[in-house]
Protein backbone atom coordinates (compact mmCIF):
# COMPACT_ATOMS: atom_id res chain seq x y z
CA MET A 1 96.76 61.85 103.90
CA ASP A 2 96.05 62.71 107.52
CA ALA A 3 98.36 65.53 108.92
CA SER A 4 99.09 63.26 111.95
CA ILE A 5 100.36 60.62 109.66
CA ASP A 6 102.61 63.11 107.91
CA ALA A 7 103.92 64.34 111.33
CA ILE A 8 104.62 60.84 112.29
CA THR A 9 106.51 60.10 109.11
CA ASN A 10 108.49 63.27 109.49
CA ASN A 11 109.42 62.50 113.10
CA ILE A 12 110.56 58.89 112.09
CA GLN A 13 112.62 60.23 109.33
CA LEU A 14 114.27 62.75 111.67
CA ALA A 15 114.91 60.12 114.31
CA LEU A 16 116.33 57.52 111.94
CA ALA A 17 118.84 59.86 110.07
CA PRO A 18 121.67 58.93 112.49
CA VAL A 19 121.03 55.20 112.07
CA PHE A 20 123.04 55.25 108.88
CA LEU A 21 126.06 56.32 111.16
CA LEU A 22 125.28 52.99 113.12
CA THR A 23 125.87 51.04 109.81
CA ALA A 24 129.38 52.67 109.59
CA VAL A 25 129.97 51.69 113.37
CA ALA A 26 128.85 48.06 112.73
CA THR A 27 131.12 47.93 109.68
CA LEU A 28 134.18 49.17 111.65
CA ILE A 29 133.50 46.73 114.37
CA ASN A 30 133.51 43.88 111.74
CA ALA A 31 136.73 45.20 110.33
CA ILE A 32 138.45 45.52 113.67
CA SER A 33 137.32 42.10 114.82
CA ALA A 34 138.88 40.53 111.68
CA ARG A 35 142.07 42.24 112.46
CA LEU A 36 141.93 41.19 116.05
CA ALA A 37 141.24 37.51 115.09
CA ARG A 38 144.30 37.50 112.85
CA SER A 39 146.48 39.15 115.44
CA VAL A 40 145.48 36.49 118.16
CA ASP A 41 145.89 33.67 115.77
CA ARG A 42 149.27 34.86 114.77
CA MET A 43 150.39 35.20 118.43
CA ARG A 44 149.07 31.75 119.42
CA ALA A 45 150.75 30.12 116.35
CA ILE A 46 154.10 31.79 117.33
CA GLN A 47 153.76 30.88 120.99
CA GLN A 48 152.94 27.23 119.99
CA LYS A 49 156.20 27.11 117.90
CA ILE A 50 158.17 28.54 120.88
CA GLU A 51 156.57 26.05 123.35
CA GLU A 52 157.25 23.08 121.03
CA GLY A 53 160.97 23.80 121.49
CA SER A 54 161.69 23.08 117.84
CA ILE A 55 163.37 26.46 117.34
CA LYS A 56 167.06 26.31 118.54
CA ASP A 57 168.59 29.27 116.99
CA PRO A 58 168.59 32.07 119.66
CA VAL A 59 168.17 34.86 117.11
CA ILE A 60 165.17 33.35 115.55
CA LEU A 61 163.72 32.53 118.97
CA SER A 62 164.30 36.07 120.06
CA HIS A 63 162.66 37.44 116.94
CA MET A 64 159.54 35.13 117.45
CA LYS A 65 159.11 36.26 121.12
CA LYS A 66 159.28 39.92 119.98
CA GLU A 67 156.74 39.19 117.25
CA ALA A 68 154.45 37.49 119.74
CA ASP A 69 154.71 40.57 122.02
CA GLU A 70 153.78 42.88 119.16
CA ALA A 71 150.76 40.78 118.14
CA LYS A 72 149.69 41.13 121.92
CA ILE A 73 150.01 44.98 121.57
CA ARG A 74 148.09 44.96 118.27
CA GLY A 75 145.42 42.81 119.92
CA ARG A 76 145.11 45.31 122.75
CA LEU A 77 144.75 48.21 120.25
CA CYS A 78 142.05 46.29 118.59
CA THR A 79 140.20 45.70 121.85
CA VAL A 80 140.24 49.45 122.67
CA ALA A 81 139.21 50.40 119.30
CA ILE A 82 136.21 48.01 119.56
CA PHE A 83 135.41 49.36 122.97
CA PHE A 84 135.23 52.94 121.60
CA ASP A 85 133.34 51.83 118.52
CA VAL A 86 130.59 50.09 120.70
CA LEU A 87 130.52 53.16 122.97
CA SER A 88 129.81 55.23 119.80
CA GLY A 89 127.08 52.97 118.69
CA VAL A 90 125.50 53.31 122.16
CA PHE A 91 125.55 57.11 122.00
CA ILE A 92 124.33 57.21 118.47
CA SER A 93 121.44 54.86 119.49
CA LEU A 94 120.53 56.99 122.48
CA THR A 95 120.45 60.05 119.96
CA VAL A 96 118.07 58.19 117.86
CA LEU A 97 115.83 57.39 120.76
CA GLU A 98 115.97 61.03 122.05
CA LEU A 99 115.13 62.42 118.66
CA PHE A 100 112.21 60.05 118.28
CA PHE A 101 110.72 60.77 121.80
CA PHE A 102 111.46 64.54 121.45
CA GLN A 103 109.76 64.75 118.02
CA ALA A 104 106.80 62.55 119.27
CA GLY A 105 106.38 65.11 122.09
CA ALA A 106 106.93 62.39 124.76
CA VAL A 107 109.80 64.40 126.35
CA ARG A 108 110.23 68.16 126.22
CA SER A 109 112.88 69.23 128.83
CA LEU A 110 116.43 70.06 127.77
CA GLN A 111 115.72 68.64 124.29
CA ALA A 112 118.57 70.22 122.48
CA THR A 113 121.19 69.43 125.36
CA TYR A 114 120.70 65.79 125.42
CA VAL A 115 120.51 65.31 121.70
CA ILE A 116 123.66 67.36 121.09
CA TRP A 117 125.66 65.80 123.95
CA THR A 118 124.94 62.04 122.82
CA PHE A 119 125.50 62.74 119.15
CA VAL A 120 128.84 64.65 119.77
CA LEU A 121 129.95 61.93 122.26
CA GLY A 122 129.02 59.42 119.68
CA LEU A 123 131.06 61.04 116.94
CA VAL A 124 134.09 61.61 119.30
CA SER A 125 134.00 57.93 120.28
CA PHE A 126 133.87 56.95 116.64
CA MET A 127 136.81 59.19 115.71
CA THR A 128 138.72 57.80 118.70
CA SER A 129 138.12 54.32 117.48
CA LEU A 130 139.21 55.37 114.04
CA SER A 131 142.44 56.93 115.47
CA ILE A 132 143.23 53.69 117.29
CA VAL A 133 142.63 51.57 114.33
CA LEU A 134 145.04 53.81 112.30
CA ALA A 135 147.63 53.46 115.10
CA GLU A 136 147.11 49.71 114.93
CA VAL A 137 147.62 49.62 111.22
CA VAL A 138 150.72 51.72 111.35
CA PHE A 139 152.13 49.48 114.25
CA ALA A 140 151.29 46.39 112.18
CA TYR A 141 153.03 47.75 109.22
CA ARG A 142 156.17 48.76 111.17
CA SER A 143 156.30 45.44 113.05
CA ALA A 144 155.72 43.30 109.95
CA GLY A 145 159.01 41.67 110.26
CA TRP A 146 160.55 42.94 106.99
CA ASN A 147 164.00 41.97 108.15
CA THR A 148 163.39 38.63 109.71
CA PRO A 149 166.42 36.62 110.55
CA PHE A 150 165.13 33.55 108.63
CA ALA A 151 164.38 35.48 105.37
CA ARG A 152 167.74 34.91 104.19
């Protein structure tokens, strides 16, 4: 096998190693999107019942409004988590491109600095997204309505 083919293969392997992190990013985006969809659907269902005017009990009506507000907050948390997850994907993708170009010899200036910063920023964005997802899960659990007025 030609040495240049070995070098190219090695360069591609080094550049594609962070791609596995992109799989985790995509999986998290999928999971957060599902949570966002459920939260939005729940908020719309509650708002529809409130607007119909069929709920006459003020205690239940107050509880439903509170639950709709909590669903909005959960939706906002999911949206921010998706933002940071996408940002993470962008930084990791930049890392892959940088590694490929640096290994191929196309760019030589400040090699380590760019790769380190984009990779670290990608990981920080991913961890931020995970933290926000955790906050959303805890908030969802706490606002689950275990003591609803109509569960008598």
